[in-house]
Amino acid sequence: MPSHNRRSPQRSRTHLISLIRTAVPVAVGALLAWLASRAGIVLDEGSSTALTAGVVAAAVAVYYALVRALESRWPWFGVLLGKPAAPSYEVTSR
């Protein structure tokens, strides 16, 4: 097997961290959408699925941007993304 297909332990760890830090904001967005529906905030039947998906996507984006901004000043806020450390990527020459 060529060596470029193998992942180093550090690369696998970085990949896992990036997946966690992507999945947690999505889960938060889904939770916020569920809480909104339980609170009676529901779009009318004429609203499209795309609008609903857009609202959830916007909530995820705002949550992620806010937590990243807070994390840049106070690193412990990274726990709100599932892992209190941003993944670090090394540059390799080919």
PDB file of N, CA and C in Angstrom:
ATOM      1  N   MET A   1       0.856  -1.174   0.000  1.00  0.00           N
ATOM      2  CA  MET A   1       0.000   0.000   0.000  1.00  0.00           C
ATOM      3  C   MET A   1       0.901   1.236   0.000  1.00  0.00           C
ATOM      4  N   PRO A   2       0.626   2.199  -0.880  1.00  0.00           N
ATOM      5  CA  PRO A   2       1.438   3.403  -0.914  1.00  0.00           C
ATOM      6  C   PRO A   2       1.328   4.172   0.395  1.00  0.00           C
ATOM      7  N   SER A   3       2.410   4.831   0.766  1.00  0.00           N
ATOM      8  CA  SER A   3       2.443   5.529   2.048  1.00  0.00           C
ATOM      9  C   SER A   3       1.515   6.732   2.092  1.00  0.00           C
ATOM     10  N   HIS A   4       1.153   7.315   0.942  1.00  0.00           N
ATOM     11  CA  HIS A   4       0.280   8.485   0.973  1.00  0.00           C
ATOM     12  C   HIS A   4      -1.157   8.136   1.354  1.00  0.00           C
ATOM     13  N   ASN A   5      -1.523   6.864   1.369  1.00  0.00           N
ATOM     14  CA  ASN A   5      -2.859   6.457   1.775  1.00  0.00           C
ATOM     15  C   ASN A   5      -2.960   6.158   3.267  1.00  0.00           C
ATOM     16  N   ARG A   6      -1.853   6.075   3.935  1.00  0.00           N
ATOM     17  CA  ARG A   6      -1.857   5.790   5.367  1.00  0.00           C
ATOM     18  C   ARG A   6      -1.953   7.083   6.150  1.00  0.00           C
ATOM     19  N   ARG A   7      -2.677   7.009   7.235  1.00  0.00           N
ATOM     20  CA  ARG A   7      -2.807   8.170   8.101  1.00  0.00           C
ATOM     21  C   ARG A   7      -1.929   7.987   9.312  1.00  0.00           C
ATOM     22  N   SER A   8      -1.231   9.036   9.663  1.00  0.00           N
ATOM     23  CA  SER A   8      -0.447   8.995  10.883  1.00  0.00           C
ATOM     24  C   SER A   8      -1.410   9.111  12.059  1.00  0.00           C
ATOM     25  N   PRO A   9      -0.980   8.677  13.241  1.00  0.00           N
ATOM     26  CA  PRO A   9      -1.863   8.819  14.412  1.00  0.00           C
ATOM     27  C   PRO A   9      -2.255  10.275  14.650  1.00  0.00           C
ATOM     28  N   GLN A  10      -1.339  11.214  14.433  1.00  0.00           N
ATOM     29  CA  GLN A  10      -1.646  12.635  14.624  1.00  0.00           C
ATOM     30  C   GLN A  10      -2.687  13.095  13.608  1.00  0.00           C
ATOM     31  N   ARG A  11      -2.564  12.653  12.376  1.00  0.00           N
ATOM     32  CA  ARG A  11      -3.521  13.049  11.341  1.00  0.00           C
ATOM     33  C   ARG A  11      -4.895  12.473  11.643  1.00  0.00           C
ATOM     34  N   SER A  12      -4.946  11.229  12.100  1.00  0.00           N
ATOM     35  CA  SER A  12      -6.226  10.621  12.469  1.00  0.00           C
ATOM     36  C   SER A  12      -6.864  11.358  13.639  1.00  0.00           C
ATOM     37  N   ARG A  13      -6.061  11.747  14.619  1.00  0.00           N
ATOM     38  CA  ARG A  13      -6.554  12.485  15.784  1.00  0.00           C
ATOM     39  C   ARG A  13      -7.089  13.843  15.350  1.00  0.00           C
ATOM     40  N   THR A  14      -6.371  14.529  14.483  1.00  0.00           N
ATOM     41  CA  THR A  14      -6.799  15.827  13.976  1.00  0.00           C
ATOM     42  C   THR A  14      -8.106  15.686  13.210  1.00  0.00           C
ATOM     43  N   HIS A  15      -8.207  14.641  12.417  1.00  0.00           N
ATOM     44  CA  HIS A  15      -9.432  14.395  11.657  1.00  0.00           C
ATOM     45  C   HIS A  15     -10.608  14.162  12.603  1.00  0.00           C
ATOM     46  N   LEU A  16     -10.407  13.373  13.636  1.00  0.00           N
ATOM     47  CA  LEU A  16     -11.455  13.093  14.608  1.00  0.00           C
ATOM     48  C   LEU A  16     -11.887  14.378  15.316  1.00  0.00           C
ATOM     49  N   ILE A  17     -10.924  15.200  15.722  1.00  0.00           N
ATOM     50  CA  ILE A  17     -11.247  16.469  16.385  1.00  0.00           C
ATOM     51  C   ILE A  17     -12.083  17.351  15.459  1.00  0.00           C
ATOM     52  N   SER A  18     -11.698  17.419  14.191  1.00  0.00           N
ATOM     53  CA  SER A  18     -12.453  18.259  13.258  1.00  0.00           C
ATOM     54  C   SER A  18     -13.873  17.729  13.065  1.00  0.00           C
ATOM     55  N   LEU A  19     -14.044  16.410  13.048  1.00  0.00           N
ATOM     56  CA  LEU A  19     -15.386  15.834  12.930  1.00  0.00           C
ATOM     57  C   LEU A  19     -16.238  16.150  14.152  1.00  0.00           C
ATOM     58  N   ILE A  20     -15.650  16.026  15.333  1.00  0.00           N
ATOM     59  CA  ILE A  20     -16.372  16.333  16.573  1.00  0.00           C
ATOM     60  C   ILE A  20     -16.797  17.792  16.575  1.00  0.00           C
ATOM     61  N   ARG A  21     -15.855  18.681  16.208  1.00  0.00           N
ATOM     62  CA  ARG A  21     -16.128  20.117  16.246  1.00  0.00           C
ATOM     63  C   ARG A  21     -17.080  20.552  15.126  1.00  0.00           C
ATOM     64  N   THR A  22     -17.364  19.684  14.182  1.00  0.00           N
ATOM     65  CA  THR A  22     -18.378  19.953  13.170  1.00  0.00           C
ATOM     66  C   THR A  22     -19.724  19.383  13.621  1.00  0.00           C
ATOM     67  N   ALA A  23     -19.712  18.183  14.173  1.00  0.00           N
ATOM     68  CA  ALA A  23     -20.949  17.508  14.568  1.00  0.00           C
ATOM     69  C   ALA A  23     -21.632  18.183  15.744  1.00  0.00           C
ATOM     70  N   VAL A  24     -20.878  18.688  16.700  1.00  0.00           N
ATOM     71  CA  VAL A  24     -21.498  19.289  17.886  1.00  0.00           C
ATOM     72  C   VAL A  24     -22.341  20.516  17.520  1.00  0.00           C
ATOM     73  N   PRO A  25     -21.845  21.467  16.709  1.00  0.00           N
ATOM     74  CA  PRO A  25     -22.727  22.580  16.337  1.00  0.00           C
ATOM     75  C   PRO A  25     -23.973  22.137  15.567  1.00  0.00           C
ATOM     76  N   VAL A  26     -23.851  21.107  14.746  1.00  0.00           N
ATOM     77  CA  VAL A  26     -25.023  20.591  14.028  1.00  0.00           C
ATOM     78  C   VAL A  26     -26.032  20.031  15.036  1.00  0.00           C
ATOM     79  N   ALA A  27     -25.541  19.293  16.020  1.00  0.00           N
ATOM     80  CA  ALA A  27     -26.430  18.752  17.053  1.00  0.00           C
ATOM     81  C   ALA A  27     -27.083  19.878  17.847  1.00  0.00           C
ATOM     82  N   VAL A  28     -26.335  20.933  18.139  1.00  0.00           N
ATOM     83  CA  VAL A  28     -26.899  22.085  18.856  1.00  0.00           C
ATOM     84  C   VAL A  28     -27.985  22.738  18.006  1.00  0.00           C
ATOM     85  N   GLY A  29     -27.736  22.889  16.700  1.00  0.00           N
ATOM     86  CA  GLY A  29     -28.747  23.459  15.807  1.00  0.00           C
ATOM     87  C   GLY A  29     -30.015  22.625  15.795  1.00  0.00           C
ATOM     88  N   ALA A  30     -29.867  21.312  15.741  1.00  0.00           N
ATOM     89  CA  ALA A  30     -31.031  20.415  15.767  1.00  0.00           C
ATOM     90  C   ALA A  30     -31.771  20.531  17.098  1.00  0.00           C
ATOM     91  N   LEU A  31     -31.014  20.622  18.190  1.00  0.00           N
ATOM     92  CA  LEU A  31     -31.623  20.773  19.506  1.00  0.00           C
ATOM     93  C   LEU A  31     -32.391  22.089  19.590  1.00  0.00           C
ATOM     94  N   LEU A  32     -31.805  23.178  19.083  1.00  0.00           N
ATOM     95  CA  LEU A  32     -32.495  24.469  19.101  1.00  0.00           C
ATOM     96  C   LEU A  32     -33.769  24.422  18.268  1.00  0.00           C
ATOM     97  N   ALA A  33     -33.730  23.750  17.129  1.00  0.00           N
ATOM     98  CA  ALA A  33     -34.923  23.608  16.294  1.00  0.00           C
ATOM     99  C   ALA A  33     -35.998  22.819  17.035  1.00  0.00           C
ATOM    100  N   TRP A  34     -35.604  21.757  17.713  1.00  0.00           N
ATOM    101  CA  TRP A  34     -36.552  20.957  18.480  1.00  0.00           C
ATOM    102  C   TRP A  34     -37.150  21.776  19.623  1.00  0.00           C
ATOM    103  N   LEU A  35     -36.291  22.515  20.338  1.00  0.00           N
ATOM    104  CA  LEU A  35     -36.782  23.347  21.435  1.00  0.00           C
ATOM    105  C   LEU A  35     -37.745  24.414  20.924  1.00  0.00           C
ATOM    106  N   ALA A  36     -37.447  24.990  19.771  1.00  0.00           N
ATOM    107  CA  ALA A  36     -38.337  25.996  19.184  1.00  0.00           C
ATOM    108  C   ALA A  36     -39.700  25.378  18.860  1.00  0.00           C
ATOM    109  N   SER A  37     -39.695  24.167  18.321  1.00  0.00           N
ATOM    110  CA  SER A  37     -40.972  23.517  18.001  1.00  0.00           C
ATOM    111  C   SER A  37     -41.757  23.195  19.265  1.00  0.00           C
ATOM    112  N   ARG A  38     -41.057  22.810  20.326  1.00  0.00           N
ATOM    113  CA  ARG A  38     -41.721  22.513  21.606  1.00  0.00           C
ATOM    114  C   ARG A  38     -42.272  23.784  22.246  1.00  0.00           C
ATOM    115  N   ALA A  39     -41.640  24.930  21.959  1.00  0.00           N
ATOM    116  CA  ALA A  39     -42.085  26.210  22.513  1.00  0.00           C
ATOM    117  C   ALA A  39     -43.194  26.828  21.663  1.00  0.00           C
ATOM    118  N   GLY A  40     -43.584  26.137  20.598  1.00  0.00           N
ATOM    119  CA  GLY A  40     -44.660  26.633  19.760  1.00  0.00           C
ATOM    120  C   GLY A  40     -44.204  27.511  18.614  1.00  0.00           C
ATOM    121  N   ILE A  41     -42.911  27.623  18.397  1.00  0.00           N
ATOM    122  CA  ILE A  41     -42.386  28.400  17.273  1.00  0.00           C
ATOM    123  C   ILE A  41     -42.297  27.452  16.082  1.00  0.00           C
ATOM    124  N   VAL A  42     -43.314  27.503  15.243  1.00  0.00           N
ATOM    125  CA  VAL A  42     -43.401  26.594  14.110  1.00  0.00           C
ATOM    126  C   VAL A  42     -43.713  27.416  12.868  1.00  0.00           C
ATOM    127  N   LEU A  43     -43.033  27.112  11.775  1.00  0.00           N
ATOM    128  CA  LEU A  43     -43.324  27.781  10.514  1.00  0.00           C
ATOM    129  C   LEU A  43     -44.644  27.259   9.972  1.00  0.00           C
ATOM    130  N   ASP A  44     -45.387  28.111   9.271  1.00  0.00           N
ATOM    131  CA  ASP A  44     -46.677  27.669   8.734  1.00  0.00           C
ATOM    132  C   ASP A  44     -46.486  26.590   7.675  1.00  0.00           C
ATOM    133  N   GLU A  45     -47.591  25.896   7.367  1.00  0.00           N
ATOM    134  CA  GLU A  45     -47.516  24.774   6.436  1.00  0.00           C
ATOM    135  C   GLU A  45     -47.073  25.191   5.045  1.00  0.00           C
ATOM    136  N   GLY A  46     -47.303  26.442   4.695  1.00  0.00           N
ATOM    137  CA  GLY A  46     -46.917  26.925   3.372  1.00  0.00           C
ATOM    138  C   GLY A  46     -45.421  27.161   3.232  1.00  0.00           C
ATOM    139  N   SER A  47     -44.715  27.151   4.359  1.00  0.00           N
ATOM    140  CA  SER A  47     -43.264  27.362   4.304  1.00  0.00           C
ATOM    141  C   SER A  47     -42.589  26.119   3.759  1.00  0.00           C
ATOM    142  N   SER A  48     -41.581  26.332   2.993  1.00  0.00           N
ATOM    143  CA  SER A  48     -40.910  25.194   2.363  1.00  0.00           C
ATOM    144  C   SER A  48     -39.909  24.540   3.303  1.00  0.00           C
ATOM    145  N   THR A  49     -39.585  23.327   2.987  1.00  0.00           N
ATOM    146  CA  THR A  49     -38.553  22.597   3.727  1.00  0.00           C
ATOM    147  C   THR A  49     -37.226  23.329   3.622  1.00  0.00           C
ATOM    148  N   ALA A  50     -36.980  23.934   2.475  1.00  0.00           N
ATOM    149  CA  ALA A  50     -35.719  24.661   2.285  1.00  0.00           C
ATOM    150  C   ALA A  50     -35.605  25.817   3.273  1.00  0.00           C
ATOM    151  N   LEU A  51     -36.712  26.508   3.541  1.00  0.00           N
ATOM    152  CA  LEU A  51     -36.682  27.611   4.503  1.00  0.00           C
ATOM    153  C   LEU A  51     -36.362  27.086   5.899  1.00  0.00           C
ATOM    154  N   THR A  52     -36.998  25.985   6.280  1.00  0.00           N
ATOM    155  CA  THR A  52     -36.717  25.381   7.575  1.00  0.00           C
ATOM    156  C   THR A  52     -35.256  24.970   7.680  1.00  0.00           C
ATOM    157  N   ALA A  53     -34.755  24.312   6.640  1.00  0.00           N
ATOM    158  CA  ALA A  53     -33.343  23.897   6.633  1.00  0.00           C
ATOM    159  C   ALA A  53     -32.432  25.121   6.702  1.00  0.00           C
ATOM    160  N   GLY A  54     -32.805  26.182   6.023  1.00  0.00           N
ATOM    161  CA  GLY A  54     -32.007  27.406   6.046  1.00  0.00           C
ATOM    162  C   GLY A  54     -31.946  28.033   7.423  1.00  0.00           C
ATOM    163  N   VAL A  55     -33.071  28.027   8.128  1.00  0.00           N
ATOM    164  CA  VAL A  55     -33.107  28.582   9.486  1.00  0.00           C
ATOM    165  C   VAL A  55     -32.221  27.752  10.410  1.00  0.00           C
ATOM    166  N   VAL A  56     -32.305  26.429  10.307  1.00  0.00           N
ATOM    167  CA  VAL A  56     -31.456  25.562  11.133  1.00  0.00           C
ATOM    168  C   VAL A  56     -29.981  25.776  10.770  1.00  0.00           C
ATOM    169  N   ALA A  57     -29.682  25.865   9.481  1.00  0.00           N
ATOM    170  CA  ALA A  57     -28.295  26.090   9.052  1.00  0.00           C
ATOM    171  C   ALA A  57     -27.775  27.424   9.580  1.00  0.00           C
ATOM    172  N   ALA A  58     -28.608  28.442   9.564  1.00  0.00           N
ATOM    173  CA  ALA A  58     -28.202  29.751  10.086  1.00  0.00           C
ATOM    174  C   ALA A  58     -27.933  29.668  11.588  1.00  0.00           C
ATOM    175  N   ALA A  59     -28.779  28.935  12.313  1.00  0.00           N
ATOM    176  CA  ALA A  59     -28.565  28.770  13.756  1.00  0.00           C
ATOM    177  C   ALA A  59     -27.249  28.057  14.027  1.00  0.00           C
ATOM    178  N   VAL A  60     -26.948  27.033  13.238  1.00  0.00           N
ATOM    179  CA  VAL A  60     -25.677  26.307  13.389  1.00  0.00           C
ATOM    180  C   VAL A  60     -24.509  27.248  13.107  1.00  0.00           C
ATOM    181  N   ALA A  61     -24.594  28.009  12.032  1.00  0.00           N
ATOM    182  CA  ALA A  61     -23.504  28.916  11.661  1.00  0.00           C
ATOM    183  C   ALA A  61     -23.274  29.987  12.720  1.00  0.00           C
ATOM    184  N   VAL A  62     -24.352  30.565  13.235  1.00  0.00           N
ATOM    185  CA  VAL A  62     -24.223  31.596  14.272  1.00  0.00           C
ATOM    186  C   VAL A  62     -23.619  31.000  15.532  1.00  0.00           C
ATOM    187  N   TYR A  63     -24.110  29.829  15.934  1.00  0.00           N
ATOM    188  CA  TYR A  63     -23.560  29.154  17.120  1.00  0.00           C
ATOM    189  C   TYR A  63     -22.064  28.900  16.948  1.00  0.00           C
ATOM    190  N   TYR A  64     -21.674  28.337  15.808  1.00  0.00           N
ATOM    191  CA  TYR A  64     -20.272  28.015  15.565  1.00  0.00           C
ATOM    192  C   TYR A  64     -19.417  29.278  15.572  1.00  0.00           C
ATOM    193  N   ALA A  65     -19.864  30.309  14.866  1.00  0.00           N
ATOM    194  CA  ALA A  65     -19.092  31.560  14.797  1.00  0.00           C
ATOM    195  C   ALA A  65     -18.950  32.193  16.176  1.00  0.00           C
ATOM    196  N   LEU A  66     -20.021  32.189  16.957  1.00  0.00           N
ATOM    197  CA  LEU A  66     -19.967  32.772  18.299  1.00  0.00           C
ATOM    198  C   LEU A  66     -18.998  32.011  19.191  1.00  0.00           C
ATOM    199  N   VAL A  67     -19.102  30.688  19.186  1.00  0.00           N
ATOM    200  CA  VAL A  67     -18.211  29.889  20.036  1.00  0.00           C
ATOM    201  C   VAL A  67     -16.759  30.038  19.586  1.00  0.00           C
ATOM    202  N   ARG A  68     -16.501  30.061  18.289  1.00  0.00           N
ATOM    203  CA  ARG A  68     -15.116  30.241  17.793  1.00  0.00           C
ATOM    204  C   ARG A  68     -14.576  31.606  18.213  1.00  0.00           C
ATOM    205  N   ALA A  69     -15.422  32.641  18.156  1.00  0.00           N
ATOM    206  CA  ALA A  69     -14.982  33.976  18.578  1.00  0.00           C
ATOM    207  C   ALA A  69     -14.655  33.980  20.069  1.00  0.00           C
ATOM    208  N   LEU A  70     -15.515  33.376  20.860  1.00  0.00           N
ATOM    209  CA  LEU A  70     -15.251  33.291  22.302  1.00  0.00           C
ATOM    210  C   LEU A  70     -14.010  32.449  22.579  1.00  0.00           C
ATOM    211  N   GLU A  71     -13.853  31.366  21.819  1.00  0.00           N
ATOM    212  CA  GLU A  71     -12.709  30.467  22.008  1.00  0.00           C
ATOM    213  C   GLU A  71     -11.395  31.164  21.684  1.00  0.00           C
ATOM    214  N   SER A  72     -11.406  32.084  20.731  1.00  0.00           N
ATOM    215  CA  SER A  72     -10.160  32.768  20.389  1.00  0.00           C
ATOM    216  C   SER A  72      -9.679  33.644  21.548  1.00  0.00           C
ATOM    217  N   ARG A  73     -10.623  34.108  22.357  1.00  0.00           N
ATOM    218  CA  ARG A  73     -10.251  34.919  23.524  1.00  0.00           C
ATOM    219  C   ARG A  73     -10.080  34.064  24.774  1.00  0.00           C
ATOM    220  N   TRP A  74     -10.979  33.116  24.954  1.00  0.00           N
ATOM    221  CA  TRP A  74     -10.956  32.223  26.113  1.00  0.00           C
ATOM    222  C   TRP A  74     -10.998  30.783  25.606  1.00  0.00           C
ATOM    223  N   PRO A  75      -9.864  30.124  25.473  1.00  0.00           N
ATOM    224  CA  PRO A  75      -9.800  28.786  24.860  1.00  0.00           C
ATOM    225  C   PRO A  75     -10.727  27.742  25.465  1.00  0.00           C
ATOM    226  N   TRP A  76     -11.073  27.870  26.718  1.00  0.00           N
ATOM    227  CA  TRP A  76     -11.931  26.855  27.339  1.00  0.00           C
ATOM    228  C   TRP A  76     -13.329  26.827  26.725  1.00  0.00           C
ATOM    229  N   PHE A  77     -13.730  27.884  26.007  1.00  0.00           N
ATOM    230  CA  PHE A  77     -15.028  27.867  25.331  1.00  0.00           C
ATOM    231  C   PHE A  77     -15.091  26.794  24.242  1.00  0.00           C
ATOM    232  N   GLY A  78     -13.949  26.289  23.820  1.00  0.00           N
ATOM    233  CA  GLY A  78     -13.915  25.240  22.808  1.00  0.00           C
ATOM    234  C   GLY A  78     -14.677  23.999  23.211  1.00  0.00           C
ATOM    235  N   VAL A  79     -14.900  23.812  24.503  1.00  0.00           N
ATOM    236  CA  VAL A  79     -15.665  22.659  24.975  1.00  0.00           C
ATOM    237  C   VAL A  79     -17.095  22.709  24.424  1.00  0.00           C
ATOM    238  N   LEU A  80     -17.588  23.893  24.078  1.00  0.00           N
ATOM    239  CA  LEU A  80     -18.927  24.014  23.505  1.00  0.00           C
ATOM    240  C   LEU A  80     -18.984  23.524  22.062  1.00  0.00           C
ATOM    241  N   LEU A  81     -17.829  23.193  21.515  1.00  0.00           N
ATOM    242  CA  LEU A  81     -17.768  22.565  20.192  1.00  0.00           C
ATOM    243  C   LEU A  81     -17.437  21.083  20.312  1.00  0.00           C
ATOM    244  N   GLY A  82     -17.412  20.589  21.540  1.00  0.00           N
ATOM    245  CA  GLY A  82     -17.177  19.165  21.759  1.00  0.00           C
ATOM    246  C   GLY A  82     -15.757  18.815  22.114  1.00  0.00           C
ATOM    247  N   LYS A  83     -14.831  19.717  21.865  1.00  0.00           N
ATOM    248  CA  LYS A  83     -13.411  19.456  22.147  1.00  0.00           C
ATOM    249  C   LYS A  83     -12.746  20.812  22.346  1.00  0.00           C
ATOM    250  N   PRO A  84     -12.115  21.033  23.493  1.00  0.00           N
ATOM    251  CA  PRO A  84     -11.551  22.353  23.762  1.00  0.00           C
ATOM    252  C   PRO A  84     -10.200  22.617  23.086  1.00  0.00           C
ATOM    253  N   ALA A  85     -10.024  22.102  21.899  1.00  0.00           N
ATOM    254  CA  ALA A  85      -8.790  22.351  21.164  1.00  0.00           C
ATOM    255  C   ALA A  85      -9.086  22.269  19.679  1.00  0.00           C
ATOM    256  N   ALA A  86      -8.782  23.329  18.973  1.00  0.00           N
ATOM    257  CA  ALA A  86      -8.979  23.316  17.523  1.00  0.00           C
ATOM    258  C   ALA A  86      -7.981  22.339  16.909  1.00  0.00           C
ATOM    259  N   PRO A  87      -8.362  21.661  15.831  1.00  0.00           N
ATOM    260  CA  PRO A  87      -7.412  20.770  15.188  1.00  0.00           C
ATOM    261  C   PRO A  87      -6.269  21.584  14.579  1.00  0.00           C
ATOM    262  N   SER A  88      -5.094  21.006  14.585  1.00  0.00           N
ATOM    263  CA  SER A  88      -3.956  21.687  13.964  1.00  0.00           C
ATOM    264  C   SER A  88      -3.502  20.830  12.793  1.00  0.00           C
ATOM    265  N   TYR A  89      -3.193  21.482  11.707  1.00  0.00           N
ATOM    266  CA  TYR A  89      -2.822  20.789  10.499  1.00  0.00           C
ATOM    267  C   TYR A  89      -1.378  21.109  10.159  1.00  0.00           C
ATOM    268  N   GLU A  90      -0.629  20.084   9.797  1.00  0.00           N
ATOM    269  CA  GLU A  90       0.746  20.313   9.406  1.00  0.00           C
ATOM    270  C   GLU A  90       0.823  20.363   7.890  1.00  0.00           C
ATOM    271  N   VAL A  91       1.680  21.222   7.404  1.00  0.00           N
ATOM    272  CA  VAL A  91       1.864  21.349   5.956  1.00  0.00           C
ATOM    273  C   VAL A  91       2.974  20.388   5.551  1.00  0.00           C
ATOM    274  N   THR A  92       2.660  19.561   4.582  1.00  0.00           N
ATOM    275  CA  THR A  92       3.664  18.624   4.085  1.00  0.00           C
ATOM    276  C   THR A  92       3.968  18.958   2.644  1.00  0.00           C
ATOM    277  N   SER A  93       5.220  18.852   2.291  1.00  0.00           N
ATOM    278  CA  SER A  93       5.593  19.108   0.908  1.00  0.00           C
ATOM    279  C   SER A  93       5.501  17.805   0.131  1.00  0.00           C
ATOM    280  N   ARG A  94       5.096  17.918  -1.094  1.00  0.00           N
ATOM    281  CA  ARG A  94       4.911  16.708  -1.920  1.00  0.00           C
ATOM    282  C   ARG A  94       6.028  16.582  -2.905  1.00  0.00           C
TER     283      ARG A  94
END
